[in-house]
């Protein structure tokens, strides 16, 4: 049975697809990629569909306005269906990427000791990831991941595409789950439901 995916953003959808493949499941239809407000508005309808079809819904807990994932689930889905997996990265999806310390260090060409051990406690994991990119010895990665000096953008023009390459080719879910409790709980919930 395929697992459909409802994701907050483009990078979230790449990570969700990788999680589904990691568990040897088939990826169904990918929805969303329109931000947290879209998920908040549409999750009830997807919940109804999850009566028969597994749906993995991924969002950043930091974007919900609360620090308690079970509270968000209770409010958004008072009667959650059997196959609805509403999972949150704490605090941003980048925490799950930071959790694979060895591979991210190799990818960014930085010392592994610079990467935090417990990325779930970081208030803004994306800022940490971008600060690591600034220290990279790979000039190409600096150019695509970081915004130009004159820009007010938060990230570089190739941030999503380059981090998607990392997810597809380098990121090890098992290694990352050892350092991220929110990712570990997501993987365990996916195993239970499928």
N, C-alpha and C. Protein backbone atom coordinates (compact mmCIF):
# COMPACT_ATOMS: atom_id res chain seq x y z
N UNK A 1 0.85 -1.18 0.00
CA UNK A 1 0.00 0.00 0.00
C UNK A 1 0.90 1.24 0.00
N UNK A 2 0.71 2.17 -0.94
CA UNK A 2 1.54 3.38 -0.96
C UNK A 2 1.20 4.32 0.19
N UNK A 3 2.15 5.15 0.55
CA UNK A 3 1.97 6.16 1.60
C UNK A 3 1.95 7.52 0.93
N UNK A 4 0.84 8.24 1.05
CA UNK A 4 0.76 9.60 0.53
C UNK A 4 1.52 10.53 1.48
N UNK A 5 1.90 11.69 0.97
CA UNK A 5 2.71 12.62 1.74
C UNK A 5 2.12 14.02 1.64
N UNK A 6 1.89 14.63 2.79
CA UNK A 6 1.46 16.02 2.89
C UNK A 6 2.59 16.76 3.60
N UNK A 7 3.25 17.67 2.89
CA UNK A 7 4.45 18.30 3.42
C UNK A 7 4.30 19.82 3.45
N UNK A 8 4.91 20.42 4.47
CA UNK A 8 4.84 21.87 4.62
C UNK A 8 5.59 22.59 3.50
N UNK A 9 6.77 22.12 3.16
CA UNK A 9 7.58 22.79 2.14
C UNK A 9 8.23 21.79 1.21
N UNK A 10 8.99 22.30 0.24
CA UNK A 10 9.65 21.46 -0.74
C UNK A 10 10.68 20.54 -0.09
N UNK A 11 11.52 21.09 0.78
CA UNK A 11 12.53 20.25 1.44
C UNK A 11 11.87 19.19 2.32
N UNK A 12 10.79 19.56 2.99
CA UNK A 12 10.04 18.60 3.80
C UNK A 12 9.55 17.44 2.94
N UNK A 13 9.12 17.75 1.71
CA UNK A 13 8.60 16.67 0.85
C UNK A 13 9.73 15.73 0.42
N UNK A 14 10.92 16.25 0.20
CA UNK A 14 12.06 15.41 -0.16
C UNK A 14 12.43 14.51 1.03
N UNK A 15 12.43 15.09 2.23
CA UNK A 15 12.74 14.32 3.43
C UNK A 15 11.67 13.26 3.68
N UNK A 16 10.39 13.62 3.51
CA UNK A 16 9.31 12.66 3.69
C UNK A 16 9.42 11.49 2.72
N UNK A 17 9.74 11.80 1.47
CA UNK A 17 9.91 10.74 0.46
C UNK A 17 11.07 9.83 0.85
N UNK A 18 12.15 10.41 1.36
CA UNK A 18 13.31 9.61 1.78
C UNK A 18 12.95 8.71 2.96
N UNK A 19 12.16 9.22 3.90
CA UNK A 19 11.71 8.41 5.04
C UNK A 19 10.88 7.23 4.56
N UNK A 20 9.99 7.47 3.63
CA UNK A 20 9.13 6.42 3.10
C UNK A 20 9.98 5.35 2.41
N UNK A 21 10.95 5.77 1.61
CA UNK A 21 11.85 4.80 0.95
C UNK A 21 12.69 4.05 1.98
N UNK A 22 13.14 4.75 3.02
CA UNK A 22 13.95 4.12 4.06
C UNK A 22 13.23 2.92 4.68
N UNK A 23 11.92 3.01 4.79
CA UNK A 23 11.12 1.94 5.38
C UNK A 23 10.62 0.95 4.32
N UNK A 24 11.19 1.02 3.12
CA UNK A 24 10.83 0.13 2.02
C UNK A 24 9.35 0.20 1.67
N UNK A 25 8.80 1.40 1.73
CA UNK A 25 7.41 1.63 1.37
C UNK A 25 7.36 2.38 0.05
N UNK A 26 6.20 2.36 -0.58
CA UNK A 26 6.02 3.06 -1.85
C UNK A 26 5.44 4.44 -1.59
N UNK A 27 6.02 5.43 -2.27
CA UNK A 27 5.53 6.80 -2.16
C UNK A 27 4.31 6.95 -3.05
N UNK A 28 3.23 7.43 -2.47
CA UNK A 28 2.02 7.72 -3.24
C UNK A 28 2.07 9.14 -3.77
N UNK A 29 1.00 9.86 -3.62
CA UNK A 29 0.90 11.24 -4.10
C UNK A 29 1.47 12.20 -3.06
N UNK A 30 2.18 13.22 -3.54
CA UNK A 30 2.74 14.25 -2.67
C UNK A 30 1.87 15.49 -2.77
N UNK A 31 1.42 15.99 -1.61
CA UNK A 31 0.55 17.16 -1.55
C UNK A 31 1.22 18.26 -0.75
N UNK A 32 0.65 19.44 -0.86
CA UNK A 32 1.08 20.55 -0.02
C UNK A 32 2.21 21.35 -0.62
N UNK A 33 3.27 21.49 0.19
CA UNK A 33 4.42 22.32 -0.14
C UNK A 33 3.99 23.78 -0.28
N UNK A 34 2.98 24.16 0.51
CA UNK A 34 2.43 25.52 0.46
C UNK A 34 2.45 26.18 1.84
N UNK A 35 3.23 25.64 2.77
CA UNK A 35 3.36 26.29 4.07
C UNK A 35 2.45 25.71 5.14
N UNK A 36 2.70 26.18 6.35
CA UNK A 36 1.98 25.66 7.53
C UNK A 36 0.50 26.01 7.51
N UNK A 37 0.14 27.18 6.97
CA UNK A 37 -1.27 27.57 6.95
C UNK A 37 -2.08 26.63 6.05
N UNK A 38 -1.48 26.18 4.96
CA UNK A 38 -2.16 25.22 4.08
C UNK A 38 -2.40 23.91 4.83
N UNK A 39 -1.39 23.44 5.53
CA UNK A 39 -1.55 22.18 6.26
C UNK A 39 -2.62 22.32 7.33
N UNK A 40 -2.55 23.41 8.07
CA UNK A 40 -3.55 23.64 9.13
C UNK A 40 -4.96 23.64 8.56
N UNK A 41 -5.14 24.26 7.38
CA UNK A 41 -6.47 24.36 6.77
C UNK A 41 -6.94 23.04 6.17
N UNK A 42 -6.02 22.23 5.67
CA UNK A 42 -6.40 21.04 4.91
C UNK A 42 -6.23 19.72 5.66
N UNK A 43 -5.60 19.73 6.81
CA UNK A 43 -5.28 18.46 7.47
C UNK A 43 -6.54 17.66 7.84
N UNK A 44 -7.64 18.34 8.13
CA UNK A 44 -8.89 17.65 8.44
C UNK A 44 -9.39 16.81 7.28
N UNK A 45 -9.35 17.36 6.08
CA UNK A 45 -9.75 16.61 4.89
C UNK A 45 -8.83 15.43 4.62
N UNK A 46 -7.54 15.66 4.79
CA UNK A 46 -6.59 14.55 4.62
C UNK A 46 -6.80 13.49 5.70
N UNK A 47 -7.19 13.92 6.88
CA UNK A 47 -7.47 12.98 7.96
C UNK A 47 -8.61 12.04 7.57
N UNK A 48 -9.63 12.59 6.92
CA UNK A 48 -10.74 11.75 6.47
C UNK A 48 -10.26 10.71 5.46
N UNK A 49 -9.36 11.12 4.56
CA UNK A 49 -8.82 10.19 3.57
C UNK A 49 -7.95 9.12 4.23
N UNK A 50 -7.38 9.44 5.38
CA UNK A 50 -6.49 8.51 6.08
C UNK A 50 -7.24 7.38 6.78
N UNK A 51 -8.53 7.31 6.57
CA UNK A 51 -9.29 6.19 7.11
C UNK A 51 -8.89 4.89 6.40
N UNK A 52 -8.52 5.02 5.13
CA UNK A 52 -8.16 3.85 4.32
C UNK A 52 -6.73 3.90 3.78
N UNK A 53 -6.17 5.09 3.66
CA UNK A 53 -4.88 5.30 2.99
C UNK A 53 -3.89 5.94 3.97
N UNK A 54 -2.69 5.36 4.16
CA UNK A 54 -1.70 6.00 5.03
C UNK A 54 -1.26 7.35 4.45
N UNK A 55 -1.23 8.37 5.31
CA UNK A 55 -0.78 9.70 4.92
C UNK A 55 0.21 10.19 5.97
N UNK A 56 1.43 10.46 5.52
CA UNK A 56 2.45 11.06 6.37
C UNK A 56 2.38 12.56 6.17
N UNK A 57 2.12 13.29 7.25
CA UNK A 57 2.05 14.74 7.23
C UNK A 57 3.24 15.28 8.01
N UNK A 58 4.09 16.07 7.34
CA UNK A 58 5.29 16.62 7.97
C UNK A 58 5.22 18.13 8.04
N UNK A 59 5.54 18.66 9.22
CA UNK A 59 5.57 20.10 9.41
C UNK A 59 6.62 20.44 10.48
N UNK A 60 6.99 21.70 10.51
CA UNK A 60 7.92 22.19 11.53
C UNK A 60 7.14 22.61 12.76
N UNK A 61 7.49 22.07 13.91
CA UNK A 61 6.80 22.45 15.14
C UNK A 61 6.96 23.94 15.40
N UNK A 62 8.12 24.49 15.06
CA UNK A 62 8.38 25.91 15.28
C UNK A 62 7.42 26.82 14.53
N UNK A 63 6.80 26.33 13.47
CA UNK A 63 5.87 27.14 12.69
C UNK A 63 4.43 27.07 13.21
N UNK A 64 4.17 26.23 14.20
CA UNK A 64 2.80 26.06 14.69
C UNK A 64 2.42 27.06 15.78
N UNK A 65 3.41 27.72 16.36
CA UNK A 65 3.13 28.67 17.43
C UNK A 65 3.05 28.03 18.79
N UNK A 66 3.40 26.76 18.90
CA UNK A 66 3.41 26.09 20.19
C UNK A 66 4.64 25.20 20.28
N UNK A 67 5.01 24.82 21.50
CA UNK A 67 6.17 23.95 21.70
C UNK A 67 5.77 22.51 22.00
N UNK A 68 4.49 22.21 21.91
CA UNK A 68 4.00 20.89 22.32
C UNK A 68 3.30 20.20 21.14
N UNK A 69 4.00 19.24 20.54
CA UNK A 69 3.43 18.53 19.39
C UNK A 69 2.11 17.83 19.73
N UNK A 70 2.00 17.09 20.87
CA UNK A 70 0.72 16.45 21.16
C UNK A 70 -0.44 17.44 21.26
N UNK A 71 -0.17 18.66 21.72
CA UNK A 71 -1.23 19.66 21.80
C UNK A 71 -1.70 20.07 20.40
N UNK A 72 -0.76 20.23 19.47
CA UNK A 72 -1.12 20.57 18.10
C UNK A 72 -1.96 19.45 17.48
N UNK A 73 -1.53 18.21 17.69
CA UNK A 73 -2.28 17.07 17.15
C UNK A 73 -3.69 17.05 17.73
N UNK A 74 -3.82 17.28 19.02
CA UNK A 74 -5.14 17.27 19.68
C UNK A 74 -6.05 18.36 19.12
N UNK A 75 -5.48 19.55 18.87
CA UNK A 75 -6.28 20.66 18.36
C UNK A 75 -6.62 20.46 16.88
N UNK A 76 -5.64 20.09 16.08
CA UNK A 76 -5.86 19.95 14.64
C UNK A 76 -6.66 18.71 14.29
N UNK A 77 -6.46 17.63 15.05
CA UNK A 77 -7.10 16.35 14.72
C UNK A 77 -7.73 15.74 15.97
N UNK A 78 -8.86 16.26 16.42
CA UNK A 78 -9.48 15.71 17.62
C UNK A 78 -9.89 14.25 17.48
N UNK A 79 -10.15 13.80 16.26
CA UNK A 79 -10.45 12.38 16.03
C UNK A 79 -9.56 11.89 14.88
N UNK A 80 -8.31 11.67 15.23
CA UNK A 80 -7.32 11.26 14.23
C UNK A 80 -7.64 9.86 13.71
N UNK A 81 -7.58 9.72 12.38
CA UNK A 81 -7.83 8.43 11.73
C UNK A 81 -6.64 7.50 11.90
N UNK A 82 -6.92 6.25 11.72
CA UNK A 82 -5.94 5.18 11.93
C UNK A 82 -4.64 5.38 11.15
N UNK A 83 -4.76 5.80 9.88
CA UNK A 83 -3.59 5.89 9.02
C UNK A 83 -3.03 7.31 8.88
N UNK A 84 -3.46 8.22 9.73
CA UNK A 84 -2.93 9.59 9.66
C UNK A 84 -1.70 9.70 10.56
N UNK A 85 -0.58 10.03 9.95
CA UNK A 85 0.67 10.26 10.68
C UNK A 85 0.98 11.75 10.62
N UNK A 86 0.64 12.48 11.65
CA UNK A 86 0.96 13.90 11.75
C UNK A 86 2.21 14.02 12.60
N UNK A 87 3.33 14.35 11.96
CA UNK A 87 4.63 14.36 12.64
C UNK A 87 5.28 15.74 12.49
N UNK A 88 5.97 16.14 13.56
CA UNK A 88 6.61 17.45 13.58
C UNK A 88 8.11 17.33 13.81
N UNK A 89 8.87 18.06 12.99
CA UNK A 89 10.30 18.21 13.24
C UNK A 89 10.46 19.31 14.28
N UNK A 90 11.32 19.09 15.25
CA UNK A 90 11.54 20.08 16.32
C UNK A 90 12.89 20.73 16.05
N UNK A 91 12.90 21.97 15.89
CA UNK A 91 11.88 22.98 15.67
C UNK A 91 11.66 23.21 14.18
N UNK A 92 12.64 22.84 13.39
CA UNK A 92 12.55 22.93 11.93
C UNK A 92 13.09 21.63 11.35
N UNK A 93 12.72 21.35 10.10
CA UNK A 93 13.11 20.10 9.44
C UNK A 93 14.63 19.97 9.34
N UNK A 94 15.34 21.09 9.34
CA UNK A 94 16.80 21.04 9.27
C UNK A 94 17.41 20.34 10.48
N UNK A 95 16.68 20.27 11.59
CA UNK A 95 17.21 19.54 12.76
C UNK A 95 17.42 18.07 12.40
N UNK A 96 16.57 17.51 11.56
CA UNK A 96 16.73 16.11 11.17
C UNK A 96 17.94 15.91 10.27
N UNK A 97 18.29 16.94 9.50
CA UNK A 97 19.49 16.86 8.66
C UNK A 97 20.74 17.01 9.51
N UNK A 98 20.72 17.93 10.46
CA UNK A 98 21.84 18.12 11.37
C UNK A 98 22.10 16.87 12.21
N UNK A 99 21.08 16.07 12.42
CA UNK A 99 21.21 14.88 13.26
C UNK A 99 22.12 13.82 12.65
N UNK A 100 22.27 13.81 11.35
CA UNK A 100 23.24 12.91 10.71
C UNK A 100 24.57 13.66 10.63
N UNK A 101 25.22 13.77 11.76
CA UNK A 101 26.40 14.62 11.92
C UNK A 101 27.53 14.23 10.97
N UNK A 102 27.83 12.95 10.86
CA UNK A 102 28.98 12.51 10.06
C UNK A 102 28.79 12.82 8.58
N UNK A 103 27.63 12.48 8.05
CA UNK A 103 27.40 12.71 6.62
C UNK A 103 27.24 14.19 6.29
N UNK A 104 26.62 14.94 7.18
CA UNK A 104 26.48 16.38 6.92
C UNK A 104 27.86 17.05 6.95
N UNK A 105 28.72 16.63 7.87
CA UNK A 105 30.07 17.20 7.93
C UNK A 105 30.82 16.91 6.62
N UNK A 106 30.71 15.69 6.12
CA UNK A 106 31.36 15.36 4.85
C UNK A 106 30.77 16.16 3.69
N UNK A 107 29.45 16.26 3.67
CA UNK A 107 28.78 16.98 2.59
C UNK A 107 29.18 18.46 2.57
N UNK A 108 29.17 19.10 3.76
CA UNK A 108 29.50 20.51 3.84
C UNK A 108 31.01 20.78 3.85
N UNK A 109 31.78 19.71 4.04
CA UNK A 109 33.23 19.85 4.14
C UNK A 109 33.62 20.74 5.33
N UNK A 110 33.06 20.35 6.51
CA UNK A 110 33.39 21.01 7.77
C UNK A 110 33.73 19.93 8.79
N UNK A 111 34.33 20.33 9.89
CA UNK A 111 34.63 19.38 10.97
C UNK A 111 33.34 18.92 11.64
N UNK A 112 33.23 17.64 11.90
CA UNK A 112 32.04 17.09 12.55
C UNK A 112 31.83 17.68 13.93
N UNK A 113 32.90 18.06 14.60
CA UNK A 113 32.80 18.62 15.95
C UNK A 113 32.04 19.94 15.96
N UNK A 114 31.87 20.59 14.82
CA UNK A 114 31.11 21.84 14.74
C UNK A 114 29.60 21.62 14.76
N UNK A 115 29.18 20.39 14.49
CA UNK A 115 27.75 20.09 14.36
C UNK A 115 27.19 19.69 15.73
N UNK A 116 26.12 20.34 16.19
CA UNK A 116 25.56 20.05 17.52
C UNK A 116 25.11 18.59 17.65
N UNK A 117 25.21 18.08 18.88
CA UNK A 117 24.81 16.70 19.16
C UNK A 117 23.30 16.53 19.25
N UNK A 118 22.60 17.52 19.75
CA UNK A 118 21.16 17.39 19.96
C UNK A 118 20.43 18.50 19.21
N UNK A 119 20.22 18.32 17.91
CA UNK A 119 19.64 19.41 17.11
C UNK A 119 18.19 19.74 17.47
N UNK A 120 17.49 18.84 18.15
CA UNK A 120 16.10 19.12 18.52
C UNK A 120 15.99 20.26 19.54
N UNK A 121 17.06 20.59 20.24
CA UNK A 121 16.98 21.67 21.24
C UNK A 121 17.31 23.04 20.64
N UNK A 122 17.74 23.06 19.39
CA UNK A 122 18.08 24.34 18.75
C UNK A 122 16.82 25.13 18.43
N UNK A 123 16.85 26.43 18.71
CA UNK A 123 15.67 27.25 18.42
C UNK A 123 15.49 27.46 16.92
N UNK A 124 16.60 27.50 16.15
CA UNK A 124 16.48 27.65 14.70
C UNK A 124 17.56 26.84 14.00
N UNK A 125 17.30 25.55 13.76
CA UNK A 125 18.29 24.68 13.12
C UNK A 125 18.73 25.16 11.74
N UNK A 126 17.86 25.85 11.01
CA UNK A 126 18.25 26.34 9.69
C UNK A 126 19.39 27.36 9.81
N UNK A 127 19.33 28.23 10.80
CA UNK A 127 20.38 29.22 11.02
C UNK A 127 21.70 28.50 11.32
N UNK A 128 21.63 27.44 12.11
CA UNK A 128 22.83 26.66 12.44
C UNK A 128 23.40 26.02 11.18
N UNK A 129 22.54 25.43 10.37
CA UNK A 129 23.00 24.80 9.13
C UNK A 129 23.65 25.83 8.21
N UNK A 130 23.05 27.00 8.10
CA UNK A 130 23.63 28.04 7.25
C UNK A 130 24.95 28.57 7.81
N UNK A 131 25.07 28.64 9.12
CA UNK A 131 26.35 29.07 9.71
C UNK A 131 27.44 28.03 9.44
N UNK A 132 27.06 26.76 9.41
CA UNK A 132 28.02 25.71 9.03
C UNK A 132 28.44 25.87 7.57
N UNK A 133 27.49 26.22 6.71
CA UNK A 133 27.80 26.42 5.29
C UNK A 133 28.80 27.57 5.12
N UNK A 134 28.70 28.59 5.97
CA UNK A 134 29.65 29.70 5.90
C UNK A 134 31.08 29.24 6.18
N UNK A 135 31.20 28.18 6.97
CA UNK A 135 32.53 27.67 7.33
C UNK A 135 33.02 26.60 6.36
N UNK A 136 32.18 26.25 5.40
CA UNK A 136 32.53 25.20 4.44
C UNK A 136 33.74 25.61 3.61
N UNK A 137 34.55 24.62 3.29
CA UNK A 137 35.68 24.85 2.39
C UNK A 137 35.26 24.66 0.93
N UNK A 138 33.99 24.32 0.73
CA UNK A 138 33.45 24.12 -0.62
C UNK A 138 32.78 25.43 -1.07
N UNK A 139 33.44 26.15 -1.96
CA UNK A 139 32.94 27.46 -2.42
C UNK A 139 31.61 27.33 -3.17
N UNK A 140 31.43 26.26 -3.91
CA UNK A 140 30.15 26.07 -4.61
C UNK A 140 29.00 26.01 -3.61
N UNK A 141 29.17 25.23 -2.54
CA UNK A 141 28.11 25.13 -1.54
C UNK A 141 27.85 26.48 -0.89
N UNK A 142 28.88 27.24 -0.62
CA UNK A 142 28.68 28.57 -0.04
C UNK A 142 27.85 29.45 -0.98
N UNK A 143 28.15 29.38 -2.27
CA UNK A 143 27.42 30.21 -3.25
C UNK A 143 25.94 29.85 -3.34
N UNK A 144 25.63 28.55 -3.30
CA UNK A 144 24.22 28.16 -3.51
C UNK A 144 23.42 28.12 -2.21
N UNK A 145 24.06 27.82 -1.09
CA UNK A 145 23.32 27.72 0.17
C UNK A 145 23.12 29.08 0.86
N UNK A 146 24.07 29.98 0.69
CA UNK A 146 24.03 31.26 1.39
C UNK A 146 23.49 32.37 0.50
N UNK A 147 22.74 33.31 1.09
CA UNK A 147 22.26 34.43 0.27
C UNK A 147 23.42 35.36 -0.09
N UNK A 148 23.33 36.03 -1.22
CA UNK A 148 24.36 37.02 -1.55
C UNK A 148 24.41 38.12 -0.48
N UNK A 149 25.55 38.77 -0.36
CA UNK A 149 25.73 39.81 0.66
C UNK A 149 24.70 40.92 0.55
N UNK A 150 24.31 41.28 -0.65
CA UNK A 150 23.38 42.40 -0.86
C UNK A 150 21.92 42.00 -0.66
N UNK A 151 21.66 40.72 -0.42
CA UNK A 151 20.29 40.21 -0.36
C UNK A 151 19.74 40.22 1.06
N UNK A 152 18.43 40.34 1.15
CA UNK A 152 17.76 40.21 2.45
C UNK A 152 17.19 38.79 2.62
N UNK A 153 17.43 37.94 1.62
CA UNK A 153 16.94 36.55 1.69
C UNK A 153 17.61 35.83 2.86
N UNK A 154 16.90 34.85 3.37
CA UNK A 154 17.41 34.07 4.50
C UNK A 154 18.36 32.97 4.05
N UNK A 155 18.17 32.50 2.83
CA UNK A 155 18.96 31.39 2.31
C UNK A 155 19.34 31.68 0.86
N UNK A 156 20.28 30.91 0.35
CA UNK A 156 20.74 31.10 -1.01
C UNK A 156 19.78 30.56 -2.04
N UNK A 157 20.00 30.91 -3.30
CA UNK A 157 19.07 30.53 -4.37
C UNK A 157 19.01 29.03 -4.63
N UNK A 158 20.05 28.31 -4.27
CA UNK A 158 20.05 26.86 -4.50
C UNK A 158 19.94 26.05 -3.23
N UNK A 159 19.46 26.69 -2.15
CA UNK A 159 19.41 26.01 -0.85
C UNK A 159 18.59 24.72 -0.91
N UNK A 160 17.35 24.82 -1.38
CA UNK A 160 16.46 23.65 -1.37
C UNK A 160 16.99 22.57 -2.30
N UNK A 161 17.44 22.95 -3.49
CA UNK A 161 17.90 21.93 -4.43
C UNK A 161 19.17 21.25 -3.92
N UNK A 162 20.10 22.01 -3.33
CA UNK A 162 21.34 21.40 -2.85
C UNK A 162 21.11 20.54 -1.61
N UNK A 163 20.25 20.99 -0.71
CA UNK A 163 19.95 20.18 0.47
C UNK A 163 19.13 18.95 0.08
N UNK A 164 18.38 19.04 -1.00
CA UNK A 164 17.67 17.87 -1.51
C UNK A 164 18.65 16.82 -2.01
N UNK A 165 19.74 17.27 -2.63
CA UNK A 165 20.80 16.35 -3.05
C UNK A 165 21.39 15.66 -1.83
N UNK A 166 21.62 16.43 -0.76
CA UNK A 166 22.13 15.83 0.47
C UNK A 166 21.17 14.74 0.96
N UNK A 167 19.88 15.05 1.02
CA UNK A 167 18.89 14.09 1.52
C UNK A 167 18.88 12.82 0.67
N UNK A 168 18.88 12.98 -0.63
CA UNK A 168 18.78 11.83 -1.54
C UNK A 168 20.04 10.97 -1.57
N UNK A 169 21.21 11.59 -1.47
CA UNK A 169 22.45 10.85 -1.70
C UNK A 169 23.30 10.61 -0.46
N UNK A 170 23.14 11.41 0.57
CA UNK A 170 24.05 11.34 1.72
C UNK A 170 23.35 10.99 3.03
N UNK A 171 22.14 11.51 3.24
CA UNK A 171 21.48 11.44 4.55
C UNK A 171 21.13 10.01 4.91
N UNK A 172 21.54 9.59 6.10
CA UNK A 172 21.21 8.26 6.63
C UNK A 172 20.18 8.42 7.73
N UNK A 173 18.97 7.95 7.47
CA UNK A 173 17.87 8.11 8.43
C UNK A 173 18.20 7.45 9.76
N UNK A 174 18.75 6.24 9.73
CA UNK A 174 19.06 5.53 10.97
C UNK A 174 20.05 6.27 11.84
N UNK A 175 21.10 6.81 11.23
CA UNK A 175 22.10 7.57 11.98
C UNK A 175 21.48 8.84 12.55
N UNK A 176 20.68 9.52 11.74
CA UNK A 176 20.05 10.76 12.19
C UNK A 176 19.06 10.50 13.33
N UNK A 177 18.33 9.40 13.27
CA UNK A 177 17.34 9.09 14.30
C UNK A 177 17.98 8.85 15.66
N UNK A 178 19.26 8.50 15.69
CA UNK A 178 19.96 8.33 16.96
C UNK A 178 20.18 9.66 17.67
N UNK A 179 20.21 10.77 16.90
CA UNK A 179 20.50 12.08 17.48
C UNK A 179 19.30 13.02 17.52
N UNK A 180 18.17 12.57 17.01
CA UNK A 180 16.97 13.41 17.00
C UNK A 180 15.78 12.60 17.50
N UNK A 181 15.30 12.98 18.66
CA UNK A 181 14.17 12.26 19.24
C UNK A 181 12.90 12.42 18.39
N UNK A 182 12.70 13.61 17.81
CA UNK A 182 11.49 13.81 17.00
C UNK A 182 11.54 12.96 15.73
N UNK A 183 12.71 12.81 15.13
CA UNK A 183 12.84 11.94 13.96
C UNK A 183 12.67 10.48 14.35
N UNK A 184 13.25 10.08 15.47
CA UNK A 184 13.12 8.69 15.94
C UNK A 184 11.65 8.36 16.17
N UNK A 185 10.90 9.27 16.80
CA UNK A 185 9.47 9.03 17.04
C UNK A 185 8.70 8.95 15.71
N UNK A 186 9.09 9.76 14.73
CA UNK A 186 8.45 9.70 13.42
C UNK A 186 8.65 8.35 12.77
N UNK A 187 9.88 7.87 12.77
CA UNK A 187 10.19 6.56 12.17
C UNK A 187 9.44 5.44 12.88
N UNK A 188 9.40 5.51 14.22
CA UNK A 188 8.68 4.47 14.98
C UNK A 188 7.19 4.49 14.67
N UNK A 189 6.61 5.68 14.57
CA UNK A 189 5.18 5.78 14.25
C UNK A 189 4.90 5.24 12.85
N UNK A 190 5.80 5.52 11.91
CA UNK A 190 5.62 5.01 10.55
C UNK A 190 5.69 3.49 10.54
N UNK A 191 6.60 2.91 11.30
CA UNK A 191 6.70 1.46 11.35
C UNK A 191 5.43 0.83 11.94
N UNK A 192 4.89 1.46 12.99
CA UNK A 192 3.68 0.92 13.63
C UNK A 192 2.49 0.94 12.68
N UNK A 193 2.34 2.01 11.96
CA UNK A 193 1.14 2.18 11.15
C UNK A 193 1.20 1.38 9.85
N UNK A 194 2.38 1.08 9.38
CA UNK A 194 2.47 0.38 8.10
C UNK A 194 2.79 -1.08 8.33
